[in-house]
Amino acid sequence: MQPSEPQPPQAWLPEVQPSGEQLRQELRPEPQRPQPPGAQPPQARPPEAQPTGQQPPQEPQPLQPPRARAPQPQSPQTQPPQPQPAAYGDEPVELPLAEPYELADLVPDTVLDGARCGAATLRAVSSRGESARRSGEPRRDALLTARFGAGPGALVMVALASGASGVSGVGGAEGAQRAARELCEWIGGAVGRSHARLINDLRTGNRSALKSGLQRLTDRGLGRLRARAAELGVDPAEYTAALRCLLLPADPACRTRVFFGAGDGGVFRLRAGAWQDLEPPGPEQDTVGGPVVGFGGTKRPTPQAAEAPATMSFGIATPGTGPAPGPAPVPAAGPFRFRASVARSGDVLLMCGGGLAGPLRGRPELAGHLAERWAQGEPPGLAAFLADTRTRVNGYAGYADDRTAAAVWEA
């Protein structure tokens, strides 16, 4: 077999470019041939498939009016109503109007206090409601914290009062706050003058004398407000206040806590992580049967000691024993409330006005929040206690009211 001869390399031929006349002939459209009668027009060819990765150009489509959707049938299950945000902000907006000759009547937006009292820790606050903060009205609630005496014989008293709401006489909110302050100061003065005898009754469990004397004291305080309303020429219902008071001995061996008052408000106890309402709504309910024993005293008081008028007179004569100076006692508009409670380690006692008692009774989520915050053992600081008592409850009308409260953490 003969080997193939090598082929000579082919020369590279340049591509011949068409002339201009050839290009014009190629681009010139072909003349359409006449179609015979009855012939079908030529069909358009389908578009050729595009290479992968390239999309055919889209022609713009005319805008179509939106079609009305048919109404969908509603589900039988309805969603629960969601809480609405509060109507007011949490920070003060307007300061109350001041009179140049009555500057002593100015009331701060918030009052905060606290102390150690024997085996207990006290926190107290009175804060203006959000409605008053927005409209520039003063706080209607009044708060008084005082210690009478020294050492184990000292007595701590907390008084809070809420002036009548919705009144227009005597300066409106200014008059309501003035009535609340006068009631707290007068009852506080009477308790201070008799604190030594009060401590003795608390230690010995003289419950009968405590209740009768404190009820006369409350009626006399309300009677003074009624007399003051007559001097001002206003309706006594506009110049009054709801009252709550706490008596707290400084002696660590005395674990008795006494609450008394009349009108709107409440006393609650947090024990083992659950709240107990010690003042359920309704008529007077004396939930402490018999004298309180076992908190410093070793024997029950004798009947003579329980009825001794000198023990809890507060300078007020017992009916039938002589004339009493000043205005006659006036029964409270609501039932008189009295509670003598023996504290246990870990208890939290809460006394508050209607602005906080209402949400606590009506909104379980607020009660649960405060129980979680306060059942941790250590009492909160003053700033934290203020923030807790101002917890907002959306969808509840009571967030606009003043909030005044005093709480005791038992060691």
Protein backbone atom coordinates (compact mmCIF):
# COMPACT_ATOMS: atom_id res chain seq x y z
CA MET A 1 0.00 0.00 0.00
CA GLN A 2 1.38 3.28 -1.08
CA PRO A 3 1.53 6.04 1.59
CA SER A 4 -0.79 8.94 0.92
CA GLU A 5 0.84 12.02 -0.28
CA PRO A 6 0.53 15.06 1.96
CA GLN A 7 -2.08 17.51 0.80
CA PRO A 8 -0.93 21.05 0.30
CA PRO A 9 -2.39 23.47 2.88
CA GLN A 10 -5.53 25.25 1.73
CA ALA A 11 -5.19 28.93 1.38
CA TRP A 12 -7.48 31.09 3.62
CA LEU A 13 -10.04 32.76 1.44
CA PRO A 14 -11.51 35.97 2.67
CA GLU A 15 -15.35 36.11 2.94
CA VAL A 16 -16.86 37.94 0.03
CA GLN A 17 -19.06 40.79 1.18
CA PRO A 18 -22.26 41.41 -0.80
CA SER A 19 -22.51 44.64 -2.71
CA GLY A 20 -25.06 47.35 -1.90
CA GLU A 21 -27.30 46.37 -4.82
CA GLN A 22 -27.41 42.77 -3.60
CA LEU A 23 -28.42 43.95 -0.07
CA ARG A 24 -31.24 46.09 -1.48
CA GLN A 25 -32.57 43.18 -3.47
CA GLU A 26 -32.50 40.86 -0.45
CA LEU A 27 -34.28 43.40 1.82
CA ARG A 28 -36.92 44.27 -0.84
CA PRO A 29 -40.29 42.60 0.05
CA GLU A 30 -41.56 39.98 -2.29
CA PRO A 31 -44.65 40.97 -4.29
CA GLN A 32 -47.82 39.27 -3.06
CA ARG A 33 -49.29 36.89 -5.60
CA PRO A 34 -53.01 37.22 -6.31
CA GLN A 35 -55.03 34.48 -4.61
CA PRO A 36 -57.72 32.69 -6.56
CA PRO A 37 -61.30 33.01 -5.34
CA GLY A 38 -62.10 30.74 -2.38
CA ALA A 39 -58.49 30.23 -1.44
CA GLN A 40 -57.53 30.31 2.25
CA PRO A 41 -55.20 33.05 3.43
CA PRO A 42 -51.75 31.90 4.45
CA GLN A 43 -51.48 30.82 8.08
CA ALA A 44 -48.96 32.50 10.32
CA ARG A 45 -46.10 30.28 11.32
CA PRO A 46 -45.78 29.49 15.03
CA PRO A 47 -42.89 31.24 16.69
CA GLU A 48 -39.69 29.30 16.64
CA ALA A 49 -38.42 27.97 19.94
CA GLN A 50 -36.03 30.33 21.63
CA PRO A 51 -32.70 29.12 22.90
CA THR A 52 -32.49 28.22 26.55
CA GLY A 53 -32.02 31.27 28.81
CA GLN A 54 -33.77 33.73 26.45
CA GLN A 55 -37.39 34.83 26.87
CA PRO A 56 -39.47 35.99 23.92
CA PRO A 57 -40.33 39.67 24.00
CA GLN A 58 -43.66 40.36 25.70
CA GLU A 59 -46.06 42.72 24.05
CA PRO A 60 -47.70 45.27 26.38
CA GLN A 61 -51.23 44.26 27.37
CA PRO A 62 -54.02 46.81 27.84
CA LEU A 63 -55.02 47.47 31.48
CA GLN A 64 -58.16 45.65 32.47
CA PRO A 65 -60.55 47.08 35.08
CA PRO A 66 -60.49 45.10 38.37
CA ARG A 67 -63.15 42.50 38.61
CA ALA A 68 -65.53 42.65 41.55
CA ARG A 69 -65.03 39.65 43.79
CA ALA A 70 -68.00 37.73 44.94
CA PRO A 71 -68.63 38.02 48.70
CA GLN A 72 -67.04 35.14 50.53
CA PRO A 73 -69.13 33.33 53.14
CA GLN A 74 -68.00 34.28 56.64
CA SER A 75 -66.70 31.62 58.94
CA PRO A 76 -69.01 30.77 61.81
CA GLN A 77 -66.08 31.20 64.25
CA THR A 78 -65.59 34.86 65.18
CA GLN A 79 -62.34 36.25 66.53
CA PRO A 80 -62.42 37.65 70.09
CA PRO A 81 -62.25 41.44 70.32
CA GLN A 82 -58.72 42.73 70.57
CA PRO A 83 -57.89 45.25 73.35
CA GLN A 84 -57.74 48.79 72.10
CA PRO A 85 -54.79 51.06 72.94
CA ALA A 86 -55.25 53.51 75.76
CA ALA A 87 -56.68 56.88 74.78
CA TYR A 88 -54.09 58.87 76.73
CA GLY A 89 -50.34 58.88 77.03
CA ASP A 90 -48.61 57.75 80.18
CA GLU A 91 -46.62 60.93 80.78
CA PRO A 92 -48.08 64.20 82.16
CA VAL A 93 -49.16 66.73 79.55
CA GLU A 94 -50.64 69.71 81.42
CA LEU A 95 -49.80 71.09 84.85
CA PRO A 96 -52.73 72.04 87.07
CA LEU A 97 -53.71 75.69 87.09
CA ALA A 98 -52.16 77.60 90.01
CA GLU A 99 -53.54 80.58 91.94
CA PRO A 100 -50.91 83.06 93.16
CA TYR A 101 -52.51 83.37 96.61
CA GLU A 102 -53.24 79.66 97.07
CA LEU A 103 -49.91 78.03 96.28
CA ALA A 104 -50.17 75.87 99.40
CA ASP A 105 -52.98 73.97 97.67
CA LEU A 106 -50.75 72.81 94.80
CA VAL A 107 -50.54 69.03 94.58
CA PRO A 108 -47.63 67.19 92.91
CA ASP A 109 -48.35 64.69 90.17
CA THR A 110 -46.92 61.75 92.14
CA VAL A 111 -46.08 61.06 95.78
CA LEU A 112 -43.83 58.09 96.59
CA ASP A 113 -42.73 56.81 100.01
CA GLY A 114 -41.36 53.71 101.71
CA ALA A 115 -39.66 52.41 104.86
CA ARG A 116 -38.75 49.37 106.94
CA CYS A 117 -41.23 48.72 109.76
CA GLY A 118 -40.02 46.00 112.09
CA ALA A 119 -40.31 42.75 110.16
CA ALA A 120 -42.13 44.39 107.24
CA THR A 121 -41.25 46.63 104.30
CA LEU A 122 -43.65 49.40 103.29
CA ARG A 123 -44.18 50.93 99.86
CA ALA A 124 -46.74 53.71 99.25
CA VAL A 125 -47.63 55.74 96.16
CA SER A 126 -50.27 58.17 94.94
CA SER A 127 -50.17 59.02 91.24
CA ARG A 128 -52.36 61.25 89.10
CA GLY A 129 -54.61 59.48 86.62
CA GLU A 130 -54.01 59.70 82.89
CA SER A 131 -57.22 61.64 82.30
CA ALA A 132 -56.16 64.33 84.79
CA ARG A 133 -52.65 64.39 83.34
CA ARG A 134 -54.07 65.20 79.93
CA SER A 135 -56.67 67.78 81.01
CA GLY A 136 -54.48 69.57 83.58
CA GLU A 137 -56.59 68.68 86.64
CA PRO A 138 -54.88 68.02 89.98
CA ARG A 139 -54.71 64.64 91.63
CA ARG A 140 -57.87 63.95 93.64
CA ASP A 141 -56.33 61.28 95.89
CA ALA A 142 -54.43 62.09 99.06
CA LEU A 143 -51.77 59.97 100.80
CA LEU A 144 -50.39 60.26 104.33
CA THR A 145 -47.59 58.11 105.78
CA ALA A 146 -46.50 58.80 109.37
CA ARG A 147 -44.59 57.16 112.22
CA PHE A 148 -45.63 57.91 115.79
CA GLY A 149 -43.22 56.98 118.58
CA ALA A 150 -39.83 55.29 118.45
CA GLY A 151 -38.38 51.84 118.85
CA PRO A 152 -40.61 48.81 119.34
CA GLY A 153 -43.39 51.04 120.64
CA ALA A 154 -43.68 52.98 117.37
CA LEU A 155 -46.77 52.84 115.21
CA VAL A 156 -46.77 53.44 111.43
CA MET A 157 -49.96 54.72 109.89
CA VAL A 158 -50.85 54.97 106.20
CA ALA A 159 -54.02 56.84 105.22
CA LEU A 160 -55.28 57.28 101.68
CA ALA A 161 -58.44 59.05 100.61
CA SER A 162 -60.10 59.63 97.24
CA GLY A 163 -62.06 62.84 96.70
CA ALA A 164 -65.45 62.70 95.08
CA SER A 165 -65.20 62.47 91.30
CA GLY A 166 -67.28 64.35 88.77
CA VAL A 167 -68.02 67.35 91.02
CA SER A 168 -68.00 70.92 89.82
CA GLY A 169 -68.34 72.85 93.06
CA VAL A 170 -65.61 74.11 95.39
CA GLY A 171 -63.12 74.32 92.56
CA GLY A 172 -63.91 70.88 91.10
CA ALA A 173 -60.92 68.57 91.43
CA GLU A 174 -59.15 71.07 93.69
CA GLY A 175 -61.98 70.83 96.21
CA ALA A 176 -62.05 67.04 95.99
CA GLN A 177 -58.35 66.82 96.74
CA ARG A 178 -58.67 69.30 99.60
CA ALA A 179 -61.42 67.22 101.22
CA ALA A 180 -59.34 64.04 100.87
CA ARG A 181 -56.30 65.73 102.39
CA GLU A 182 -58.25 67.16 105.33
CA LEU A 183 -59.71 63.75 106.13
CA CYS A 184 -56.28 62.05 106.10
CA GLU A 185 -54.68 64.74 108.25
CA TRP A 186 -57.44 64.82 110.84
CA ILE A 187 -57.58 61.03 111.29
CA GLY A 188 -53.78 60.85 111.29
CA GLY A 189 -53.62 63.43 114.07
CA ALA A 190 -56.14 61.50 116.19
CA VAL A 191 -54.24 58.24 115.71
CA GLY A 192 -50.94 59.93 116.61
CA ARG A 193 -52.31 61.30 119.86
CA SER A 194 -53.53 57.82 120.85
CA HIS A 195 -50.76 55.69 119.38
CA ALA A 196 -49.56 54.37 122.76
CA ARG A 197 -52.98 52.96 123.62
CA LEU A 198 -53.35 51.64 120.06
CA ILE A 199 -50.08 49.72 120.33
CA ASN A 200 -51.26 48.18 123.58
CA ASP A 201 -54.54 47.05 122.01
CA LEU A 202 -52.71 45.62 119.00
CA ARG A 203 -50.36 43.61 121.22
CA THR A 204 -53.13 42.22 123.42
CA GLY A 205 -55.56 41.54 120.60
CA ASN A 206 -58.25 43.91 121.89
CA ARG A 207 -60.20 43.71 118.68
CA SER A 208 -63.55 44.95 120.03
CA ALA A 209 -62.04 48.18 121.32
CA LEU A 210 -60.12 48.65 118.07
CA LYS A 211 -63.17 48.24 115.89
CA SER A 212 -65.54 50.41 117.92
CA GLY A 213 -63.02 53.20 118.39
CA LEU A 214 -61.89 53.28 114.76
CA GLN A 215 -65.48 53.31 113.54
CA ARG A 216 -66.28 56.32 115.73
CA LEU A 217 -63.12 57.97 114.45
CA THR A 218 -64.15 57.41 110.82
CA ASP A 219 -67.67 58.72 111.40
CA ARG A 220 -66.31 61.80 113.17
CA GLY A 221 -63.91 62.52 110.31
CA LEU A 222 -66.71 62.34 107.75
CA GLY A 223 -68.81 64.57 110.01
CA ARG A 224 -66.12 67.23 109.90
CA LEU A 225 -66.21 67.18 106.10
CA ARG A 226 -69.99 67.58 106.19
CA ALA A 227 -69.67 70.60 108.48
CA ARG A 228 -67.02 72.08 106.21
CA ALA A 229 -69.33 71.64 103.20
CA ALA A 230 -72.03 73.62 105.05
CA GLU A 231 -69.54 76.44 105.65
CA LEU A 232 -68.68 76.51 101.95
CA GLY A 233 -72.34 76.36 100.94
CA VAL A 234 -72.00 73.23 98.80
CA ASP A 235 -73.67 69.84 98.70
CA PRO A 236 -72.07 67.53 101.31
CA ALA A 237 -71.94 64.80 98.64
CA GLU A 238 -69.47 66.98 96.70
CA TYR A 239 -67.16 67.57 99.65
CA THR A 240 -66.44 64.07 100.91
CA ALA A 241 -63.95 61.27 100.33
CA ALA A 242 -63.52 57.52 100.46
CA LEU A 243 -61.04 56.42 103.14
CA ARG A 244 -58.65 53.52 103.73
CA CYS A 245 -56.18 53.34 106.63
CA LEU A 246 -53.49 50.89 107.75
CA LEU A 247 -52.03 50.53 111.25
CA LEU A 248 -48.64 48.81 111.23
CA PRO A 249 -46.75 48.20 114.52
CA ALA A 250 -42.99 48.55 114.40
CA ASP A 251 -42.51 45.76 116.97
CA PRO A 252 -41.27 42.64 115.08
CA ALA A 253 -43.04 40.43 117.63
CA CYS A 254 -46.42 41.99 116.82
CA ARG A 255 -47.66 40.66 113.49
CA THR A 256 -51.12 42.27 113.55
CA ARG A 257 -52.11 44.53 110.67
CA VAL A 258 -55.32 46.55 111.03
CA PHE A 259 -57.21 48.06 108.09
CA PHE A 260 -60.27 50.29 108.38
CA GLY A 261 -62.18 52.81 106.29
CA ALA A 262 -65.32 53.46 104.26
CA GLY A 263 -66.21 54.00 100.62
CA ASP A 264 -64.56 52.75 97.44
CA GLY A 265 -61.27 50.91 97.71
CA GLY A 266 -60.01 47.52 98.71
CA VAL A 267 -57.64 45.39 100.76
CA PHE A 268 -55.98 42.36 99.17
CA ARG A 269 -53.54 39.72 100.36
CA LEU A 270 -51.06 37.87 98.16
CA ARG A 271 -50.37 34.50 99.75
CA ALA A 272 -48.78 31.47 98.05
CA GLY A 273 -48.91 33.25 94.69
CA ALA A 274 -52.70 33.89 94.74
CA TRP A 275 -54.65 37.04 95.56
CA GLN A 276 -57.31 37.06 98.27
CA ASP A 277 -59.89 39.84 98.41
CA LEU A 278 -60.22 40.76 102.09
CA GLU A 279 -63.00 43.27 101.38
CA PRO A 280 -65.45 41.60 99.00
CA PRO A 281 -68.13 43.94 97.65
CA GLY A 282 -71.39 44.09 99.53
CA PRO A 283 -72.47 44.96 103.06
CA GLU A 284 -70.07 44.99 105.97
CA GLN A 285 -68.45 41.60 106.41
CA ASP A 286 -66.43 41.16 109.56
CA THR A 287 -64.21 38.33 108.40
CA VAL A 288 -62.27 38.10 111.68
CA GLY A 289 -64.36 36.24 114.22
CA GLY A 290 -63.37 36.94 117.80
CA PRO A 291 -60.29 38.62 119.21
CA VAL A 292 -56.98 38.25 117.43
CA VAL A 293 -54.57 36.34 119.65
CA GLY A 294 -51.02 35.10 119.28
CA PHE A 295 -49.11 38.12 118.05
CA GLY A 296 -47.44 39.37 121.19
CA GLY A 297 -50.04 38.80 123.88
CA THR A 298 -50.57 35.51 125.70
CA LYS A 299 -54.15 35.87 126.92
CA ARG A 300 -57.44 37.11 125.64
CA PRO A 301 -58.65 40.52 126.79
CA THR A 302 -61.32 40.53 129.47
CA PRO A 303 -64.76 41.90 128.59
CA GLN A 304 -64.14 44.87 130.86
CA ALA A 305 -60.97 45.74 128.97
CA ALA A 306 -62.71 45.32 125.64
CA GLU A 307 -65.41 47.83 126.60
CA ALA A 308 -63.15 50.34 128.37
CA PRO A 309 -63.99 53.74 126.78
CA ALA A 310 -60.60 55.21 127.67
CA THR A 311 -58.71 52.68 125.54
CA MET A 312 -59.88 53.80 122.09
CA SER A 313 -61.73 57.05 122.67
CA PHE A 314 -59.51 59.26 120.43
CA GLY A 315 -60.95 62.13 122.45
CA ILE A 316 -64.44 61.20 121.22
CA ALA A 317 -67.01 60.55 123.93
CA THR A 318 -68.87 57.26 123.76
CA PRO A 319 -72.56 57.85 122.96
CA GLY A 320 -74.45 58.38 126.22
CA THR A 321 -71.42 59.35 128.31
CA GLY A 322 -71.36 63.10 127.64
CA PRO A 323 -71.34 65.76 124.94
CA ALA A 324 -68.76 65.49 122.19
CA PRO A 325 -66.99 68.60 120.95
CA GLY A 326 -67.22 69.51 117.30
CA PRO A 327 -69.57 68.24 114.62
CA ALA A 328 -71.66 65.17 115.30
CA PRO A 329 -70.42 61.91 113.76
CA VAL A 330 -71.90 61.11 110.36
CA PRO A 331 -72.28 57.48 109.28
CA ALA A 332 -70.22 56.66 106.23
CA ALA A 333 -71.94 56.63 102.84
CA GLY A 334 -70.77 53.03 102.38
CA PRO A 335 -70.38 50.26 104.96
CA PHE A 336 -67.62 50.61 107.51
CA ARG A 337 -64.75 48.28 106.72
CA PHE A 338 -62.57 46.71 109.41
CA ARG A 339 -60.00 43.96 109.08
CA ALA A 340 -57.51 42.67 111.64
CA SER A 341 -55.10 40.28 109.97
CA VAL A 342 -52.23 38.25 111.42
CA ALA A 343 -49.42 38.36 108.87
CA ARG A 344 -47.39 35.34 107.81
CA SER A 345 -43.90 35.24 106.42
CA GLY A 346 -43.99 35.88 102.67
CA ASP A 347 -47.38 37.63 102.66
CA VAL A 348 -47.95 40.79 100.66
CA LEU A 349 -50.77 43.05 101.89
CA LEU A 350 -52.14 45.65 99.49
CA MET A 351 -54.43 48.53 100.44
CA CYS A 352 -55.57 50.74 97.57
CA GLY A 353 -58.15 53.25 96.43
CA GLY A 354 -60.84 52.64 93.86
CA GLY A 355 -58.56 53.55 90.95
CA LEU A 356 -56.53 50.36 91.48
CA ALA A 357 -59.04 48.16 93.34
CA GLY A 358 -61.42 48.24 90.37
CA PRO A 359 -58.91 46.95 87.78
CA LEU A 360 -57.62 44.33 90.22
CA ARG A 361 -61.12 42.92 90.66
CA GLY A 362 -62.16 43.31 87.03
CA ARG A 363 -59.08 42.32 85.04
CA PRO A 364 -57.40 39.00 85.94
CA GLU A 365 -54.42 39.80 83.71
CA LEU A 366 -53.48 42.76 85.94
CA ALA A 367 -53.81 40.68 89.11
CA GLY A 368 -51.67 37.96 87.55
CA HIS A 369 -49.01 40.45 86.45
CA LEU A 370 -48.70 41.98 89.93
CA ALA A 371 -48.70 38.55 91.58
CA GLU A 372 -45.81 37.46 89.37
CA ARG A 373 -43.91 40.67 90.08
CA TRP A 374 -44.45 40.76 93.85
CA ALA A 375 -44.28 37.09 94.80
CA GLN A 376 -40.51 36.93 94.22
CA GLY A 377 -39.69 37.45 97.88
CA GLU A 378 -37.76 40.71 97.76
CA PRO A 379 -39.89 43.87 97.78
CA PRO A 380 -39.44 46.15 94.76
CA GLY A 381 -37.69 49.49 94.98
CA LEU A 382 -39.63 52.73 94.99
CA ALA A 383 -39.33 53.32 91.24
CA ALA A 384 -40.28 49.72 90.42
CA PHE A 385 -43.29 49.90 92.75
CA LEU A 386 -44.47 53.07 91.03
CA ALA A 387 -44.16 51.40 87.62
CA ASP A 388 -46.07 48.32 88.85
CA THR A 389 -48.99 50.32 90.18
CA ARG A 390 -49.23 52.28 86.92
CA THR A 391 -49.48 49.15 84.77
CA ARG A 392 -51.91 49.95 81.99
CA VAL A 393 -54.92 47.77 81.28
CA ASN A 394 -56.12 48.29 77.72
CA GLY A 395 -59.85 48.25 77.23
CA TYR A 396 -60.58 49.11 80.88
CA ALA A 397 -62.00 52.53 81.71
CA GLY A 398 -60.35 52.66 85.15
CA TYR A 399 -56.89 53.42 83.79
CA ALA A 400 -57.81 57.11 83.70
CA ASP A 401 -58.36 57.35 87.50
CA ASP A 402 -55.79 58.23 90.16
CA ARG A 403 -53.93 55.24 91.53
CA THR A 404 -53.08 55.27 95.21
CA ALA A 405 -51.84 52.21 97.08
CA ALA A 406 -49.79 51.00 100.03
CA ALA A 407 -48.23 47.53 100.13
CA VAL A 408 -46.50 45.65 102.94
CA TRP A 409 -44.01 42.82 102.34
CA GLU A 410 -43.67 40.51 105.33
CA ALA A 411 -40.19 39.13 106.00
